[in-house]
Amino acid sequence: MRFETPLVSARLIRRYKRFLSDFELEDGRKVTAHCPNPGSMLGLADPGVRCWLEPNENPKRKLRFGWRIVELGDGHRAGIDTSVPNRLVGMALRERRIAELSVYGGLRPEVPYGKRSRVDFLLRETGLPDAYVEVKNVHLRRDGDWAEFPDSVTARGARHLGDLAEMVTRGHRAVMLYIVQRTDCERFRLATDLDPAYAAAFTRARNAGVEAICYDCTVSTDGISLRRALPVVA
């Protein structure tokens, strides 16, 4: 997935009201950018951090910049747009580039299931059980080379795990697919201290037969793409 326009470098001044962020560009101008991430962004939104913004000239948009990338140091970067993982996974599934799911040719996004949910992707193939795939964005790293999820309490995420477990009891396949939008992690685990209820729901789902898969990304100022599978340690 390539960015539509070349990114520009900036320093974060502050992030506020969830979707707004102020920056100082390299020429000294102060601008407000859209922050496409409603989460806590733990460790990624410290004032002064170097970031990359995508300019736009669309008159229908209120803000002329969108926040896309955070510099992590040592040549590493993180993507902060929470809509990116679904777009990457959608493209990869259509091209059968996710090895664990490459046997499926049929794909439908946003299909209602469970009590009040919509699964990110429903995969179908003749002679195989349907596969219900939920995608979660991951950008938390606190210790060593561990990517962690979640970065805050997510009752919605726990509900999705329960919905996936229900699909398994009905004879379907169910997959929780974690996408790490950073380049400095080698393995994945749950942040059990940040949301014990999610960790408990994850354990119940795994015991019921829900699969857990994790992929990381390449993140550059040109674009973001899926890279490789990471081990899930849980």
C-alpha atoms as a PDB file:
ATOM      1  CA  MET A   1       0.000   0.000   0.000  1.00  0.00           C
ATOM      2  CA  ARG A   2       1.677   3.190  -1.196  1.00  0.00           C
ATOM      3  CA  PHE A   3       0.961   6.659   0.113  1.00  0.00           C
ATOM      4  CA  GLU A   4      -0.872   8.887  -2.325  1.00  0.00           C
ATOM      5  CA  THR A   5       1.429  11.900  -1.848  1.00  0.00           C
ATOM      6  CA  PRO A   6       5.027  12.226  -0.582  1.00  0.00           C
ATOM      7  CA  LEU A   7       5.232  12.443   3.199  1.00  0.00           C
ATOM      8  CA  VAL A   8       6.736  15.411   5.032  1.00  0.00           C
ATOM      9  CA  SER A   9       8.742  15.354   8.245  1.00  0.00           C
ATOM     10  CA  ALA A  10       7.428  17.017  11.404  1.00  0.00           C
ATOM     11  CA  ARG A  11       7.788  17.068  15.192  1.00  0.00           C
ATOM     12  CA  LEU A  12       4.790  16.243  17.357  1.00  0.00           C
ATOM     13  CA  ILE A  13       3.654  19.050  19.641  1.00  0.00           C
ATOM     14  CA  ARG A  14       0.617  17.348  21.132  1.00  0.00           C
ATOM     15  CA  ARG A  15      -2.168  14.877  20.403  1.00  0.00           C
ATOM     16  CA  TYR A  16      -5.655  15.703  21.705  1.00  0.00           C
ATOM     17  CA  LYS A  17      -9.366  14.959  21.282  1.00  0.00           C
ATOM     18  CA  ARG A  18      -8.346  11.502  19.993  1.00  0.00           C
ATOM     19  CA  PHE A  19      -8.317  12.494  16.309  1.00  0.00           C
ATOM     20  CA  LEU A  20      -6.351  15.780  16.335  1.00  0.00           C
ATOM     21  CA  SER A  21      -2.614  16.408  16.597  1.00  0.00           C
ATOM     22  CA  ASP A  22      -0.442  19.505  16.333  1.00  0.00           C
ATOM     23  CA  PHE A  23       2.966  19.438  14.633  1.00  0.00           C
ATOM     24  CA  GLU A  24       5.850  21.695  13.755  1.00  0.00           C
ATOM     25  CA  LEU A  25       7.100  21.222  10.195  1.00  0.00           C
ATOM     26  CA  GLU A  26      10.773  21.467   9.309  1.00  0.00           C
ATOM     27  CA  ASP A  27      10.264  25.019   8.021  1.00  0.00           C
ATOM     28  CA  GLY A  28       8.867  26.086  11.403  1.00  0.00           C
ATOM     29  CA  ARG A  29       5.189  26.189  10.437  1.00  0.00           C
ATOM     30  CA  LYS A  30       2.667  24.862  12.957  1.00  0.00           C
ATOM     31  CA  VAL A  31      -0.051  22.628  11.480  1.00  0.00           C
ATOM     32  CA  THR A  32      -2.921  20.491  12.776  1.00  0.00           C
ATOM     33  CA  ALA A  33      -3.174  16.969  11.361  1.00  0.00           C
ATOM     34  CA  HIS A  34      -5.790  14.253  11.506  1.00  0.00           C
ATOM     35  CA  CYS A  35      -4.763  11.377  13.793  1.00  0.00           C
ATOM     36  CA  PRO A  36      -6.280   8.191  12.303  1.00  0.00           C
ATOM     37  CA  ASN A  37      -5.998   6.297  15.565  1.00  0.00           C
ATOM     38  CA  PRO A  38      -8.584   6.431  18.381  1.00  0.00           C
ATOM     39  CA  GLY A  39      -6.528   4.255  20.736  1.00  0.00           C
ATOM     40  CA  SER A  40      -4.154   5.154  23.526  1.00  0.00           C
ATOM     41  CA  MET A  41      -1.056   5.096  21.247  1.00  0.00           C
ATOM     42  CA  LEU A  42       0.993   4.189  24.311  1.00  0.00           C
ATOM     43  CA  GLY A  43       4.641   5.079  23.677  1.00  0.00           C
ATOM     44  CA  LEU A  44       3.994   6.617  20.246  1.00  0.00           C
ATOM     45  CA  ALA A  45       2.582  10.063  21.018  1.00  0.00           C
ATOM     46  CA  ASP A  46       5.268  11.678  23.154  1.00  0.00           C
ATOM     47  CA  PRO A  47       5.796  15.390  22.415  1.00  0.00           C
ATOM     48  CA  GLY A  48       8.887  16.009  20.318  1.00  0.00           C
ATOM     49  CA  VAL A  49       8.907  12.664  18.515  1.00  0.00           C
ATOM     50  CA  ARG A  50       9.709  12.848  14.814  1.00  0.00           C
ATOM     51  CA  CYS A  51       6.788  11.870  12.588  1.00  0.00           C
ATOM     52  CA  TRP A  52       5.752  11.787   8.964  1.00  0.00           C
ATOM     53  CA  LEU A  53       2.606  13.484   7.660  1.00  0.00           C
ATOM     54  CA  GLU A  54       0.756  13.004   4.373  1.00  0.00           C
ATOM     55  CA  PRO A  55      -0.380  16.292   2.774  1.00  0.00           C
ATOM     56  CA  ASN A  56      -3.600  16.497   0.810  1.00  0.00           C
ATOM     57  CA  GLU A  57      -5.239  19.101  -1.383  1.00  0.00           C
ATOM     58  CA  ASN A  58      -8.778  17.759  -1.100  1.00  0.00           C
ATOM     59  CA  PRO A  59     -11.074  20.751  -0.470  1.00  0.00           C
ATOM     60  CA  LYS A  60     -13.631  18.437   1.186  1.00  0.00           C
ATOM     61  CA  ARG A  61     -11.219  17.615   4.005  1.00  0.00           C
ATOM     62  CA  LYS A  62     -11.022  19.980   6.951  1.00  0.00           C
ATOM     63  CA  LEU A  63      -7.357  19.214   7.655  1.00  0.00           C
ATOM     64  CA  ARG A  64      -4.547  19.416   5.113  1.00  0.00           C
ATOM     65  CA  PHE A  65      -2.373  16.769   6.758  1.00  0.00           C
ATOM     66  CA  GLY A  66      -2.798  13.213   7.995  1.00  0.00           C
ATOM     67  CA  TRP A  67      -0.434  11.603  10.513  1.00  0.00           C
ATOM     68  CA  ARG A  68       1.005   8.367   9.102  1.00  0.00           C
ATOM     69  CA  ILE A  69       4.322   7.311  10.701  1.00  0.00           C
ATOM     70  CA  VAL A  70       6.339   7.648  13.925  1.00  0.00           C
ATOM     71  CA  GLU A  71      10.142   7.381  13.930  1.00  0.00           C
ATOM     72  CA  LEU A  72      11.291   4.884  16.577  1.00  0.00           C
ATOM     73  CA  GLY A  73      15.060   5.311  16.360  1.00  0.00           C
ATOM     74  CA  ASP A  74      17.763   3.006  14.983  1.00  0.00           C
ATOM     75  CA  GLY A  75      16.101   3.151  11.575  1.00  0.00           C
ATOM     76  CA  HIS A  76      12.802   1.669  12.785  1.00  0.00           C
ATOM     77  CA  ARG A  77       9.334   3.095  12.219  1.00  0.00           C
ATOM     78  CA  ALA A  78       5.724   2.507  13.230  1.00  0.00           C
ATOM     79  CA  GLY A  79       2.569   3.121  11.232  1.00  0.00           C
ATOM     80  CA  ILE A  80      -0.214   4.677  13.313  1.00  0.00           C
ATOM     81  CA  ASP A  81      -3.234   4.499  10.972  1.00  0.00           C
ATOM     82  CA  THR A  82      -5.562   1.813  12.371  1.00  0.00           C
ATOM     83  CA  SER A  83      -7.328   1.419   9.010  1.00  0.00           C
ATOM     84  CA  VAL A  84      -4.155   0.164   7.328  1.00  0.00           C
ATOM     85  CA  PRO A  85      -4.130  -3.451   8.654  1.00  0.00           C
ATOM     86  CA  ASN A  86      -7.539  -4.277   7.159  1.00  0.00           C
ATOM     87  CA  ARG A  87      -6.511  -2.815   3.831  1.00  0.00           C
ATOM     88  CA  LEU A  88      -3.240  -4.769   3.834  1.00  0.00           C
ATOM     89  CA  VAL A  89      -4.940  -7.998   4.825  1.00  0.00           C
ATOM     90  CA  GLY A  90      -7.662  -7.548   2.212  1.00  0.00           C
ATOM     91  CA  MET A  91      -5.070  -7.163  -0.542  1.00  0.00           C
ATOM     92  CA  ALA A  92      -2.992 -10.075   0.752  1.00  0.00           C
ATOM     93  CA  LEU A  93      -5.987 -12.406   1.006  1.00  0.00           C
ATOM     94  CA  ARG A  94      -7.065 -11.634  -2.549  1.00  0.00           C
ATOM     95  CA  GLU A  95      -3.533 -12.391  -3.752  1.00  0.00           C
ATOM     96  CA  ARG A  96      -3.284 -15.461  -1.454  1.00  0.00           C
ATOM     97  CA  ARG A  97      -0.141 -14.135   0.210  1.00  0.00           C
ATOM     98  CA  ILE A  98      -1.068 -15.135   3.769  1.00  0.00           C
ATOM     99  CA  ALA A  99       0.181 -18.705   3.833  1.00  0.00           C
ATOM    100  CA  GLU A 100      -2.119 -19.913   6.602  1.00  0.00           C
ATOM    101  CA  LEU A 101      -5.186 -18.775   4.622  1.00  0.00           C
ATOM    102  CA  SER A 102      -4.016 -19.154   1.025  1.00  0.00           C
ATOM    103  CA  VAL A 103      -6.332 -22.104   0.301  1.00  0.00           C
ATOM    104  CA  TYR A 104      -9.349 -19.777   0.248  1.00  0.00           C
ATOM    105  CA  GLY A 105     -10.431 -18.039  -2.951  1.00  0.00           C
ATOM    106  CA  GLY A 106     -13.718 -16.442  -1.912  1.00  0.00           C
ATOM    107  CA  LEU A 107     -13.669 -13.310   0.237  1.00  0.00           C
ATOM    108  CA  ARG A 108     -16.373 -11.087   1.714  1.00  0.00           C
ATOM    109  CA  PRO A 109     -15.595  -8.156   4.052  1.00  0.00           C
ATOM    110  CA  GLU A 110     -17.719  -6.860   6.927  1.00  0.00           C
ATOM    111  CA  VAL A 111     -20.152  -9.780   7.199  1.00  0.00           C
ATOM    112  CA  PRO A 112     -22.569  -9.746  10.201  1.00  0.00           C
ATOM    113  CA  TYR A 113     -22.003 -12.591  12.673  1.00  0.00           C
ATOM    114  CA  GLY A 114     -22.199 -13.305  16.372  1.00  0.00           C
ATOM    115  CA  LYS A 115     -24.520 -11.262  18.561  1.00  0.00           C
ATOM    116  CA  ARG A 116     -23.795  -7.757  17.270  1.00  0.00           C
ATOM    117  CA  SER A 117     -20.539  -7.936  15.330  1.00  0.00           C
ATOM    118  CA  ARG A 118     -19.252  -7.810  11.777  1.00  0.00           C
ATOM    119  CA  VAL A 119     -16.344 -10.057  10.950  1.00  0.00           C
ATOM    120  CA  ASP A 120     -13.552  -8.321   9.063  1.00  0.00           C
ATOM    121  CA  PHE A 121     -13.311 -11.073   6.429  1.00  0.00           C
ATOM    122  CA  LEU A 122     -15.319 -14.196   5.687  1.00  0.00           C
ATOM    123  CA  LEU A 123     -13.370 -16.650   3.513  1.00  0.00           C
ATOM    124  CA  ARG A 124     -14.925 -19.464   1.534  1.00  0.00           C
ATOM    125  CA  GLU A 125     -13.681 -22.307  -0.612  1.00  0.00           C
ATOM    126  CA  THR A 126     -15.482 -25.357  -1.966  1.00  0.00           C
ATOM    127  CA  GLY A 127     -14.951 -28.359   0.268  1.00  0.00           C
ATOM    128  CA  LEU A 128     -13.555 -26.347   3.175  1.00  0.00           C
ATOM    129  CA  PRO A 129     -15.168 -24.888   6.302  1.00  0.00           C
ATOM    130  CA  ASP A 130     -15.801 -21.146   6.136  1.00  0.00           C
ATOM    131  CA  ALA A 131     -13.063 -19.092   7.811  1.00  0.00           C
ATOM    132  CA  TYR A 132     -14.000 -16.098   9.957  1.00  0.00           C
ATOM    133  CA  VAL A 133     -11.047 -13.705  10.210  1.00  0.00           C
ATOM    134  CA  GLU A 134     -10.787 -10.787  12.633  1.00  0.00           C
ATOM    135  CA  VAL A 135      -7.917  -8.312  12.185  1.00  0.00           C
ATOM    136  CA  LYS A 136      -6.333  -6.322  15.013  1.00  0.00           C
ATOM    137  CA  ASN A 137      -3.826  -3.489  14.712  1.00  0.00           C
ATOM    138  CA  VAL A 138      -0.751  -3.835  16.954  1.00  0.00           C
ATOM    139  CA  HIS A 139       1.751  -1.070  17.649  1.00  0.00           C
ATOM    140  CA  LEU A 140       2.699  -1.512  21.308  1.00  0.00           C
ATOM    141  CA  ARG A 141       6.254  -2.458  22.293  1.00  0.00           C
ATOM    142  CA  ARG A 142       7.453  -2.053  25.870  1.00  0.00           C
ATOM    143  CA  ASP A 143      10.079  -4.712  26.459  1.00  0.00           C
ATOM    144  CA  GLY A 144      12.747  -6.255  24.271  1.00  0.00           C
ATOM    145  CA  ASP A 145      11.505  -7.326  20.854  1.00  0.00           C
ATOM    146  CA  TRP A 146       7.945  -8.121  22.000  1.00  0.00           C
ATOM    147  CA  ALA A 147       4.936  -6.717  20.149  1.00  0.00           C
ATOM    148  CA  GLU A 148       1.933  -6.625  22.490  1.00  0.00           C
ATOM    149  CA  PHE A 149      -1.832  -6.281  22.282  1.00  0.00           C
ATOM    150  CA  PRO A 150      -3.905  -4.523  23.476  1.00  0.00           C
ATOM    151  CA  ASP A 151      -2.498  -1.134  24.529  1.00  0.00           C
ATOM    152  CA  SER A 152      -5.619  -0.354  26.578  1.00  0.00           C
ATOM    153  CA  VAL A 153      -8.785  -2.089  27.761  1.00  0.00           C
ATOM    154  CA  THR A 154     -10.874  -3.357  24.824  1.00  0.00           C
ATOM    155  CA  ALA A 155     -14.217  -4.882  25.698  1.00  0.00           C
ATOM    156  CA  ARG A 156     -15.009  -4.934  21.984  1.00  0.00           C
ATOM    157  CA  GLY A 157     -11.910  -7.019  21.295  1.00  0.00           C
ATOM    158  CA  ALA A 158     -12.890  -9.522  23.972  1.00  0.00           C
ATOM    159  CA  ARG A 159     -16.370  -9.777  22.455  1.00  0.00           C
ATOM    160  CA  HIS A 160     -14.833 -10.562  19.066  1.00  0.00           C
ATOM    161  CA  LEU A 161     -12.908 -13.448  20.612  1.00  0.00           C
ATOM    162  CA  GLY A 162     -16.150 -14.830  21.997  1.00  0.00           C
ATOM    163  CA  ASP A 163     -17.848 -14.488  18.620  1.00  0.00           C
ATOM    164  CA  LEU A 164     -14.989 -16.348  16.921  1.00  0.00           C
ATOM    165  CA  ALA A 165     -15.192 -19.148  19.473  1.00  0.00           C
ATOM    166  CA  GLU A 166     -18.906 -19.475  18.728  1.00  0.00           C
ATOM    167  CA  MET A 167     -18.129 -19.910  15.013  1.00  0.00           C
ATOM    168  CA  VAL A 168     -15.820 -22.807  15.859  1.00  0.00           C
ATOM    169  CA  THR A 169     -18.621 -24.554  17.775  1.00  0.00           C
ATOM    170  CA  ARG A 170     -20.716 -24.270  14.602  1.00  0.00           C
ATOM    171  CA  GLY A 171     -18.108 -26.135  12.579  1.00  0.00           C
ATOM    172  CA  HIS A 172     -16.347 -23.159  11.006  1.00  0.00           C
ATOM    173  CA  ARG A 173     -12.743 -22.035  11.125  1.00  0.00           C
ATOM    174  CA  ALA A 174     -11.966 -18.874  13.125  1.00  0.00           C
ATOM    175  CA  VAL A 175      -8.774 -16.809  13.034  1.00  0.00           C
ATOM    176  CA  MET A 176      -7.561 -13.814  15.028  1.00  0.00           C
ATOM    177  CA  LEU A 177      -4.983 -12.077  12.848  1.00  0.00           C
ATOM    178  CA  TYR A 178      -2.720  -9.536  14.569  1.00  0.00           C
ATOM    179  CA  ILE A 179      -0.897  -7.042  12.329  1.00  0.00           C
ATOM    180  CA  VAL A 180       2.172  -5.400  13.881  1.00  0.00           C
ATOM    181  CA  GLN A 181       2.653  -1.979  12.323  1.00  0.00           C
ATOM    182  CA  ARG A 182       6.219  -1.545  13.454  1.00  0.00           C
ATOM    183  CA  THR A 183       9.591  -2.817  12.305  1.00  0.00           C
ATOM    184  CA  ASP A 184      11.375  -3.482  15.619  1.00  0.00           C
ATOM    185  CA  CYS A 185       9.572  -6.598  16.893  1.00  0.00           C
ATOM    186  CA  GLU A 186      10.375 -10.284  16.505  1.00  0.00           C
ATOM    187  CA  ARG A 187       7.533 -11.969  18.414  1.00  0.00           C
ATOM    188  CA  PHE A 188       4.034 -11.323  19.761  1.00  0.00           C
ATOM    189  CA  ARG A 189       2.318 -11.723  23.127  1.00  0.00           C
ATOM    190  CA  LEU A 190      -0.665 -10.364  25.027  1.00  0.00           C
ATOM    191  CA  ALA A 191      -0.373  -7.331  27.311  1.00  0.00           C
ATOM    192  CA  THR A 192      -2.128  -9.192  30.102  1.00  0.00           C
ATOM    193  CA  ASP A 193      -1.429  -6.466  32.668  1.00  0.00           C
ATOM    194  CA  LEU A 194      -3.183  -3.822  30.570  1.00  0.00           C
ATOM    195  CA  ASP A 195      -6.348  -5.866  29.970  1.00  0.00           C
ATOM    196  CA  PRO A 196      -6.655  -9.079  31.994  1.00  0.00           C
ATOM    197  CA  ALA A 197     -10.218  -9.614  30.711  1.00  0.00           C
ATOM    198  CA  TYR A 198      -8.996  -9.665  27.095  1.00  0.00           C
ATOM    199  CA  ALA A 199      -6.235 -12.114  28.022  1.00  0.00           C
ATOM    200  CA  ALA A 200      -8.782 -14.404  29.679  1.00  0.00           C
ATOM    201  CA  ALA A 201     -11.047 -14.191  26.604  1.00  0.00           C
ATOM    202  CA  PHE A 202      -8.055 -15.018  24.393  1.00  0.00           C
ATOM    203  CA  THR A 203      -7.277 -18.141  26.436  1.00  0.00           C
ATOM    204  CA  ARG A 204     -10.888 -19.304  26.249  1.00  0.00           C
ATOM    205  CA  ALA A 205     -10.960 -18.701  22.492  1.00  0.00           C
ATOM    206  CA  ARG A 206      -7.703 -20.590  21.889  1.00  0.00           C
ATOM    207  CA  ASN A 207      -8.982 -23.507  23.980  1.00  0.00           C
ATOM    208  CA  ALA A 208     -12.147 -23.515  21.867  1.00  0.00           C
ATOM    209  CA  GLY A 209     -10.100 -23.800  18.653  1.00  0.00           C
ATOM    210  CA  VAL A 210      -9.661 -20.195  17.522  1.00  0.00           C
ATOM    211  CA  GLU A 211      -6.345 -19.756  15.695  1.00  0.00           C
ATOM    212  CA  ALA A 212      -3.989 -16.841  16.417  1.00  0.00           C
ATOM    213  CA  ILE A 213      -1.714 -15.570  13.643  1.00  0.00           C
ATOM    214  CA  CYS A 214       0.610 -12.567  13.617  1.00  0.00           C
ATOM    215  CA  TYR A 215       2.340 -10.708  10.776  1.00  0.00           C
ATOM    216  CA  ASP A 216       4.541  -7.638  10.909  1.00  0.00           C
ATOM    217  CA  CYS A 217       4.996  -4.918   8.289  1.00  0.00           C
ATOM    218  CA  THR A 218       7.575  -2.979   6.390  1.00  0.00           C
ATOM    219  CA  VAL A 219       7.023   0.697   7.165  1.00  0.00           C
ATOM    220  CA  SER A 220       8.651   3.340   4.968  1.00  0.00           C
ATOM    221  CA  THR A 221       7.890   6.854   3.792  1.00  0.00           C
ATOM    222  CA  ASP A 222       6.810   5.312   0.483  1.00  0.00           C
ATOM    223  CA  GLY A 223       4.226   2.949   1.937  1.00  0.00           C
ATOM    224  CA  ILE A 224       3.390   0.036   4.224  1.00  0.00           C
ATOM    225  CA  SER A 225       3.172  -3.654   3.347  1.00  0.00           C
ATOM    226  CA  LEU A 226       2.933  -7.040   5.066  1.00  0.00           C
ATOM    227  CA  ARG A 227       6.332  -8.614   5.648  1.00  0.00           C
ATOM    228  CA  ARG A 228       6.532 -11.907   7.562  1.00  0.00           C
ATOM    229  CA  ALA A 229       4.843 -14.084  10.151  1.00  0.00           C
ATOM    230  CA  LEU A 230       5.870 -13.590  13.793  1.00  0.00           C
ATOM    231  CA  PRO A 231       5.559 -16.286  16.475  1.00  0.00           C
ATOM    232  CA  VAL A 232       2.592 -15.929  18.824  1.00  0.00           C
ATOM    233  CA  VAL A 233       3.677 -16.717  22.381  1.00  0.00           C
ATOM    234  CA  ALA A 234       0.678 -17.088  24.665  1.00  0.00           C
END
